[in-house]
Amino acid sequence: MKVAIVGASGAVGQEFLRVLDERNFPLDELVLFGSPRSAGTKYTFRGKDIEVKLLQHNDDFRGVDIAFTSAGAGTSKEYAEDITRFGAVMIDNSSAFRMDDDVPLVVPEVNAADAKQRPRGIIANPNCTTIQMVVALKAIEGLSHIRRVHVSTYQAASGAGAAAMQELYEQYRQVLAGEPVKVEKFAYQLAFNLIPQIDVFTDNGYTKEEMKMFNETRKIMHSDVRVSATCVRVPALRSHSESIWVETERPISVEEAREAFARGEGLVLMDNPAEKEYPMPLFLAGKDPVYVGRIRRDLANDNGLTFWIVGDQIKKGAALNAVQIAEYLVREGDI
């Protein structure tokens, strides 16, 4: 098994290295690719130093079985043909192909089998906020069809990359030192602040991030569910949180929901208000599952349920989800 990572020096690329090692992914050879800025950098994987190769239009992907790509939509579109030409399965972490009809959009806990139908040799990894939400929604959908979802997200700085995390650190230092605050990665200062905008606004007043949650959820779940989202950047470092309201076809009791979440694949129930136990991003960074708590009946809707989830968006929201797709294909003998 020969595996490639495109965008190896980025936050998600580095997470790929950790996840592949943690999960003992069955590979014989690993090849790393990057931009001119990162080419030549060496990373250690399973005791061996691997040098990042410059990504080019050539036949470097000959013999590659799986290519994990996380270098941005533009790069994915430009190099997709080079990557897949010799039969590699491209598992893409960008937004380039997510809504293409001939590219499956996959969260293994929800629609793993979709990964087998990939006429272009490409499988898309969904947006991080969508991934952790649909893992939780899957548990409820098994009880009663979900008609509507309202969700507010609380997205950590790391969703904008490693440099954004560093900027948040530096902004806190600058504020506390009484220095001018430098803003580069975000529209405004994030330290001691919330920014109710992630990505650009569309004509309907929603941002692209919010529309991803609407469109991607329907595609992944093969559902007519309608999702209304408000996505907010918060001054946490890592792990996204979401406050979710669902409306189902029949009322779902809190007890039913708790049982469904407790047995749901990829979920951990963390819901004990009496002991102040609920998911928080500070304590769940680096964890694999999606954590669920604050489960309540919706006081404004007889068929409504509300709950709170937290997931590490670099891990489950990106690298881990992609590796789980690859693991599924290996188990199925489909690679």
Protein backbone atom coordinates (compact mmCIF):
# COMPACT_ATOMS: atom_id res chain seq x y z
CA MET A 1 0.00 0.00 0.00
CA LYS A 2 1.49 3.29 -1.14
CA VAL A 3 -0.01 6.44 0.38
CA ALA A 4 0.54 10.09 -0.49
CA ILE A 5 -0.27 13.26 1.45
CA VAL A 6 -0.62 16.49 -0.52
CA GLY A 7 -0.24 19.55 1.68
CA ALA A 8 1.88 17.68 4.21
CA SER A 9 3.17 20.80 6.00
CA GLY A 10 -0.24 22.28 6.81
CA ALA A 11 -2.21 21.75 10.01
CA VAL A 12 -4.33 18.98 8.46
CA GLY A 13 -1.33 17.46 6.67
CA GLN A 14 0.47 17.14 9.98
CA GLU A 15 -2.64 15.63 11.52
CA PHE A 16 -2.70 13.04 8.72
CA LEU A 17 0.78 11.92 9.79
CA ARG A 18 -0.33 11.56 13.42
CA VAL A 19 -3.61 9.79 12.62
CA LEU A 20 -2.05 7.31 10.18
CA ASP A 21 0.50 6.41 12.85
CA GLU A 22 -1.97 6.30 15.76
CA ARG A 23 -4.30 3.98 13.89
CA ASN A 24 -1.50 1.83 12.49
CA PHE A 25 -2.83 2.34 8.98
CA PRO A 26 -1.52 -0.49 6.76
CA LEU A 27 0.87 1.31 4.43
CA ASP A 28 4.22 0.22 3.03
CA GLU A 29 5.35 3.53 1.59
CA LEU A 30 4.44 7.14 2.37
CA VAL A 31 5.11 10.03 -0.02
CA LEU A 32 4.69 13.66 0.98
CA PHE A 33 3.99 16.56 -1.38
CA GLY A 34 3.92 20.29 -0.84
CA SER A 35 4.37 23.77 -2.26
CA PRO A 36 7.71 25.33 -3.19
CA ARG A 37 7.75 26.82 0.31
CA SER A 38 7.53 23.44 2.06
CA ALA A 39 9.35 21.23 -0.48
CA GLY A 40 12.55 19.87 1.03
CA THR A 41 11.20 19.86 4.58
CA LYS A 42 11.61 16.53 6.35
CA TYR A 43 9.12 14.86 8.68
CA THR A 44 9.60 11.70 10.71
CA PHE A 45 7.04 8.93 10.28
CA ARG A 46 7.43 5.59 12.04
CA GLY A 47 11.08 6.25 12.64
CA LYS A 48 11.90 7.24 9.07
CA ASP A 49 12.61 10.75 7.75
CA ILE A 50 10.55 11.60 4.69
CA GLU A 51 11.31 14.64 2.56
CA VAL A 52 8.46 16.69 1.14
CA LYS A 53 8.49 16.60 -2.66
CA LEU A 54 7.41 19.52 -4.80
CA LEU A 55 3.91 18.97 -6.19
CA GLN A 56 4.19 19.08 -9.97
CA HIS A 57 2.34 18.07 -13.12
CA ASN A 58 4.14 14.79 -13.77
CA ASP A 59 3.82 11.06 -13.06
CA ASP A 60 4.84 11.17 -9.36
CA PHE A 61 1.54 9.54 -8.41
CA ARG A 62 2.20 6.39 -10.42
CA GLY A 63 1.82 3.46 -8.02
CA VAL A 64 0.03 5.49 -5.33
CA ASP A 65 -3.05 3.71 -3.95
CA ILE A 66 -4.49 6.48 -1.77
CA ALA A 67 -3.79 10.22 -1.89
CA PHE A 68 -4.99 12.41 0.96
CA THR A 69 -5.17 15.98 -0.33
CA SER A 70 -5.40 19.05 1.89
CA ALA A 71 -3.82 21.95 0.06
CA GLY A 72 -6.86 24.04 -0.83
CA ALA A 73 -9.58 23.82 -3.47
CA GLY A 74 -7.51 25.44 -6.19
CA THR A 75 -4.69 22.94 -5.81
CA SER A 76 -7.11 20.01 -5.68
CA LYS A 77 -8.78 21.07 -8.91
CA GLU A 78 -5.48 21.73 -10.67
CA TYR A 79 -3.84 18.43 -9.74
CA ALA A 80 -6.81 16.02 -9.58
CA GLU A 81 -6.05 14.54 -12.98
CA ASP A 82 -2.36 14.03 -12.12
CA ILE A 83 -3.29 12.37 -8.84
CA THR A 84 -5.96 9.99 -10.17
CA ARG A 85 -4.51 9.24 -13.63
CA PHE A 86 -2.79 6.02 -12.56
CA GLY A 87 -5.61 4.73 -10.36
CA ALA A 88 -5.02 6.41 -7.01
CA VAL A 89 -8.11 7.11 -4.92
CA MET A 90 -8.04 10.82 -4.09
CA ILE A 91 -9.64 11.62 -0.72
CA ASP A 92 -9.92 15.37 -0.85
CA ASN A 93 -10.27 17.60 2.19
CA SER A 94 -11.06 20.80 0.26
CA SER A 95 -14.37 22.20 -0.94
CA ALA A 96 -13.44 21.60 -4.60
CA PHE A 97 -15.66 18.60 -5.37
CA ARG A 98 -18.08 18.25 -2.46
CA MET A 99 -21.25 19.09 -4.34
CA ASP A 100 -20.31 17.45 -7.65
CA ASP A 101 -22.87 14.76 -8.51
CA ASP A 102 -20.17 12.30 -9.56
CA VAL A 103 -18.09 12.68 -6.38
CA PRO A 104 -19.29 10.97 -3.18
CA LEU A 105 -19.31 13.07 -0.01
CA VAL A 106 -18.63 10.68 2.83
CA VAL A 107 -18.78 10.45 6.62
CA PRO A 108 -18.13 6.76 7.38
CA GLU A 109 -20.51 6.58 10.36
CA VAL A 110 -23.32 7.85 8.13
CA ASN A 111 -22.84 6.82 4.47
CA ALA A 112 -19.66 4.77 4.12
CA ALA A 113 -20.95 2.74 1.16
CA ASP A 114 -21.17 5.89 -0.97
CA ALA A 115 -17.36 5.78 -1.16
CA LYS A 116 -17.57 2.78 -3.49
CA GLN A 117 -19.23 4.82 -6.24
CA ARG A 118 -16.45 7.19 -7.35
CA PRO A 119 -16.38 7.41 -11.16
CA ARG A 120 -13.69 10.09 -11.11
CA GLY A 121 -11.56 8.34 -8.50
CA ILE A 122 -12.30 11.17 -6.06
CA ILE A 123 -14.01 11.05 -2.65
CA ALA A 124 -14.76 14.35 -0.93
CA ASN A 125 -14.31 14.94 2.79
CA PRO A 126 -17.13 17.21 4.03
CA ASN A 127 -16.73 20.50 5.84
CA CYS A 128 -15.65 20.06 9.46
CA THR A 129 -18.84 21.50 10.98
CA THR A 130 -20.99 19.25 8.80
CA ILE A 131 -19.01 16.12 9.69
CA GLN A 132 -19.48 16.34 13.43
CA MET A 133 -23.12 17.40 13.10
CA VAL A 134 -24.20 14.53 10.84
CA VAL A 135 -22.50 11.96 13.10
CA ALA A 136 -24.86 13.15 15.83
CA LEU A 137 -27.87 13.53 13.53
CA LYS A 138 -27.48 9.94 12.35
CA ALA A 139 -28.37 8.70 15.84
CA ILE A 140 -31.60 10.72 15.88
CA GLU A 141 -32.52 9.93 12.26
CA GLY A 142 -32.59 6.27 13.28
CA LEU A 143 -35.44 7.09 15.68
CA SER A 144 -37.48 9.46 13.55
CA HIS A 145 -36.87 11.36 10.33
CA ILE A 146 -35.40 14.81 10.93
CA ARG A 147 -37.33 17.53 9.12
CA ARG A 148 -35.41 20.62 10.20
CA VAL A 149 -32.18 21.55 11.93
CA HIS A 150 -31.22 24.88 13.43
CA VAL A 151 -27.56 25.08 14.41
CA SER A 152 -25.22 27.71 15.80
CA THR A 153 -21.54 26.85 15.61
CA TYR A 154 -18.72 28.00 17.86
CA GLN A 155 -15.66 27.45 15.71
CA ALA A 156 -12.12 27.49 17.05
CA ALA A 157 -9.23 29.43 15.56
CA SER A 158 -7.61 26.25 14.27
CA GLY A 159 -10.38 25.99 11.69
CA ALA A 160 -8.48 28.70 9.83
CA GLY A 161 -5.15 26.84 10.06
CA ALA A 162 -2.01 26.69 12.15
CA ALA A 163 -1.13 30.33 11.46
CA ALA A 164 -4.54 31.39 12.79
CA MET A 165 -3.90 29.56 16.06
CA GLN A 166 -0.59 31.35 16.38
CA GLU A 167 -2.28 34.68 15.65
CA LEU A 168 -4.76 34.10 18.47
CA TYR A 169 -1.90 33.36 20.90
CA GLU A 170 -0.13 36.51 19.76
CA GLN A 171 -3.26 38.66 19.98
CA TYR A 172 -3.83 37.64 23.60
CA ARG A 173 -0.21 38.49 24.37
CA GLN A 174 -0.50 41.85 22.60
CA VAL A 175 -3.70 42.78 24.44
CA LEU A 176 -2.25 41.85 27.83
CA ALA A 177 0.97 43.73 27.06
CA GLY A 178 -0.90 46.83 25.94
CA GLU A 179 0.50 46.58 22.42
CA PRO A 180 -1.34 47.21 19.13
CA VAL A 181 -3.17 44.06 18.04
CA LYS A 182 -2.16 42.63 14.68
CA VAL A 183 -4.98 41.18 12.55
CA GLU A 184 -4.18 39.07 9.48
CA LYS A 185 -6.04 35.75 9.44
CA PHE A 186 -9.44 37.02 10.57
CA ALA A 187 -11.67 39.94 9.64
CA TYR A 188 -11.29 41.38 13.15
CA GLN A 189 -9.37 40.78 16.35
CA LEU A 190 -10.43 37.36 17.66
CA ALA A 191 -8.87 37.57 21.13
CA PHE A 192 -11.57 38.53 23.67
CA ASN A 193 -14.08 38.62 20.80
CA LEU A 194 -16.55 36.62 18.68
CA ILE A 195 -16.85 37.03 14.91
CA PRO A 196 -20.24 36.03 13.42
CA GLN A 197 -18.78 35.40 9.98
CA ILE A 198 -16.90 32.41 8.59
CA ASP A 199 -16.17 32.54 4.85
CA VAL A 200 -17.80 35.08 2.54
CA PHE A 201 -21.45 36.09 2.43
CA THR A 202 -23.75 34.81 -0.30
CA ASP A 203 -26.73 36.57 -1.89
CA ASN A 204 -29.19 35.16 0.66
CA GLY A 205 -27.31 36.65 3.62
CA TYR A 206 -25.84 33.34 4.74
CA THR A 207 -22.11 32.70 4.51
CA LYS A 208 -20.62 29.96 2.36
CA GLU A 209 -19.80 28.06 5.57
CA GLU A 210 -23.46 28.15 6.58
CA MET A 211 -24.65 27.06 3.15
CA LYS A 212 -22.19 24.15 3.24
CA MET A 213 -24.02 22.84 6.30
CA PHE A 214 -27.35 23.04 4.43
CA ASN A 215 -26.21 21.42 1.18
CA GLU A 216 -23.69 18.89 2.48
CA THR A 217 -26.02 17.50 5.15
CA ARG A 218 -28.69 16.72 2.56
CA LYS A 219 -26.18 15.00 0.27
CA ILE A 220 -24.54 12.91 3.00
CA MET A 221 -27.78 11.83 4.64
CA HIS A 222 -29.69 11.41 1.36
CA SER A 223 -32.37 13.51 3.01
CA ASP A 224 -34.72 16.42 2.43
CA VAL A 225 -33.73 17.87 5.82
CA ARG A 226 -33.50 21.66 5.92
CA VAL A 227 -30.61 23.16 7.86
CA SER A 228 -30.43 26.78 9.00
CA ALA A 229 -26.99 27.66 10.39
CA THR A 230 -25.19 30.58 12.00
CA CYS A 231 -21.43 30.04 12.08
CA VAL A 232 -19.34 31.97 14.58
CA ARG A 233 -15.57 32.13 15.09
CA VAL A 234 -14.71 32.01 18.81
CA PRO A 235 -11.39 32.56 20.61
CA ALA A 236 -10.87 28.87 21.43
CA LEU A 237 -7.78 27.20 19.98
CA ARG A 238 -9.00 23.82 18.85
CA SER A 239 -12.27 21.83 18.62
CA HIS A 240 -15.56 23.17 17.28
CA SER A 241 -18.76 23.28 19.32
CA GLU A 242 -22.32 23.31 18.01
CA SER A 243 -25.69 24.05 19.57
CA ILE A 244 -28.27 22.03 17.63
CA TRP A 245 -32.07 22.05 17.52
CA VAL A 246 -33.80 19.29 15.54
CA GLU A 247 -37.43 18.85 14.58
CA THR A 248 -38.42 15.23 13.97
CA GLU A 249 -41.56 13.65 12.50
CA ARG A 250 -42.57 12.35 15.92
CA PRO A 251 -41.59 13.55 19.38
CA ILE A 252 -38.34 12.03 20.68
CA SER A 253 -37.96 11.73 24.43
CA VAL A 254 -34.76 12.75 26.15
CA GLU A 255 -34.32 9.15 27.30
CA GLU A 256 -34.62 7.83 23.73
CA ALA A 257 -32.14 10.40 22.51
CA ARG A 258 -29.64 9.62 25.26
CA GLU A 259 -29.79 5.90 24.45
CA ALA A 260 -29.36 6.58 20.74
CA PHE A 261 -26.39 8.86 21.30
CA ALA A 262 -24.83 6.38 23.77
CA ARG A 263 -24.84 3.60 21.19
CA GLY A 264 -24.20 5.81 18.15
CA GLU A 265 -21.07 5.09 16.14
CA GLY A 266 -18.39 7.74 16.64
CA LEU A 267 -20.27 9.36 19.54
CA VAL A 268 -19.61 9.69 23.26
CA LEU A 269 -22.44 10.68 25.59
CA MET A 270 -21.25 13.29 28.09
CA ASP A 271 -24.44 14.52 29.69
CA ASN A 272 -24.64 14.81 33.47
CA PRO A 273 -25.79 18.34 34.33
CA ALA A 274 -26.01 17.60 38.05
CA GLU A 275 -22.25 17.05 38.09
CA LYS A 276 -21.56 19.84 35.56
CA GLU A 277 -20.50 17.26 32.99
CA TYR A 278 -20.89 18.38 29.38
CA PRO A 279 -18.57 18.62 26.37
CA MET A 280 -16.10 21.53 26.26
CA PRO A 281 -13.47 22.20 23.58
CA LEU A 282 -10.66 22.88 26.06
CA PHE A 283 -10.74 19.28 27.27
CA LEU A 284 -11.58 17.44 24.05
CA ALA A 285 -8.88 18.65 21.65
CA GLY A 286 -7.07 15.71 20.10
CA LYS A 287 -9.92 13.25 20.75
CA ASP A 288 -11.43 11.09 18.02
CA PRO A 289 -15.18 11.02 18.81
CA VAL A 290 -17.93 13.61 18.70
CA TYR A 291 -19.14 14.33 22.24
CA VAL A 292 -22.83 15.01 23.00
CA GLY A 293 -24.41 16.67 26.02
CA ARG A 294 -27.04 19.17 27.25
CA ILE A 295 -29.82 17.01 25.78
CA ARG A 296 -33.26 18.60 26.30
CA ARG A 297 -36.77 18.75 24.87
CA ASP A 298 -37.26 21.90 22.85
CA LEU A 299 -39.66 24.16 24.78
CA ALA A 300 -40.73 25.91 21.56
CA ASN A 301 -41.53 22.79 19.50
CA ASP A 302 -43.38 19.64 20.60
CA ASN A 303 -41.39 17.60 18.06
CA GLY A 304 -38.14 19.33 18.93
CA LEU A 305 -34.96 18.24 20.66
CA THR A 306 -31.90 20.30 21.45
CA PHE A 307 -28.36 19.25 22.31
CA TRP A 308 -24.74 20.39 22.32
CA ILE A 309 -21.80 18.72 20.57
CA VAL A 310 -18.04 19.18 20.52
CA GLY A 311 -15.54 17.64 18.13
CA ASP A 312 -11.92 18.21 17.18
CA GLN A 313 -12.28 19.67 13.71
CA ILE A 314 -8.68 18.99 12.66
CA LYS A 315 -9.06 15.38 13.68
CA LYS A 316 -12.62 14.09 13.14
CA GLY A 317 -13.49 17.16 11.11
CA ALA A 318 -10.67 16.56 8.65
CA ALA A 319 -7.80 14.05 8.85
CA LEU A 320 -9.46 11.30 10.89
CA ASN A 321 -12.61 11.28 8.74
CA ALA A 322 -10.50 10.92 5.59
CA VAL A 323 -8.42 8.10 7.08
CA GLN A 324 -11.60 6.33 8.22
CA ILE A 325 -12.83 6.46 4.61
CA ALA A 326 -9.59 4.83 3.50
CA GLU A 327 -9.85 2.21 6.25
CA TYR A 328 -13.37 1.35 5.06
CA LEU A 329 -12.16 0.88 1.49
CA VAL A 330 -9.30 -1.34 2.67
CA ARG A 331 -11.70 -3.48 4.76
CA GLU A 332 -14.04 -3.79 1.80
CA GLY A 333 -11.20 -4.79 -0.53
CA ASP A 334 -12.09 -1.82 -2.67
CA ILE A 335 -8.64 -0.35 -3.02
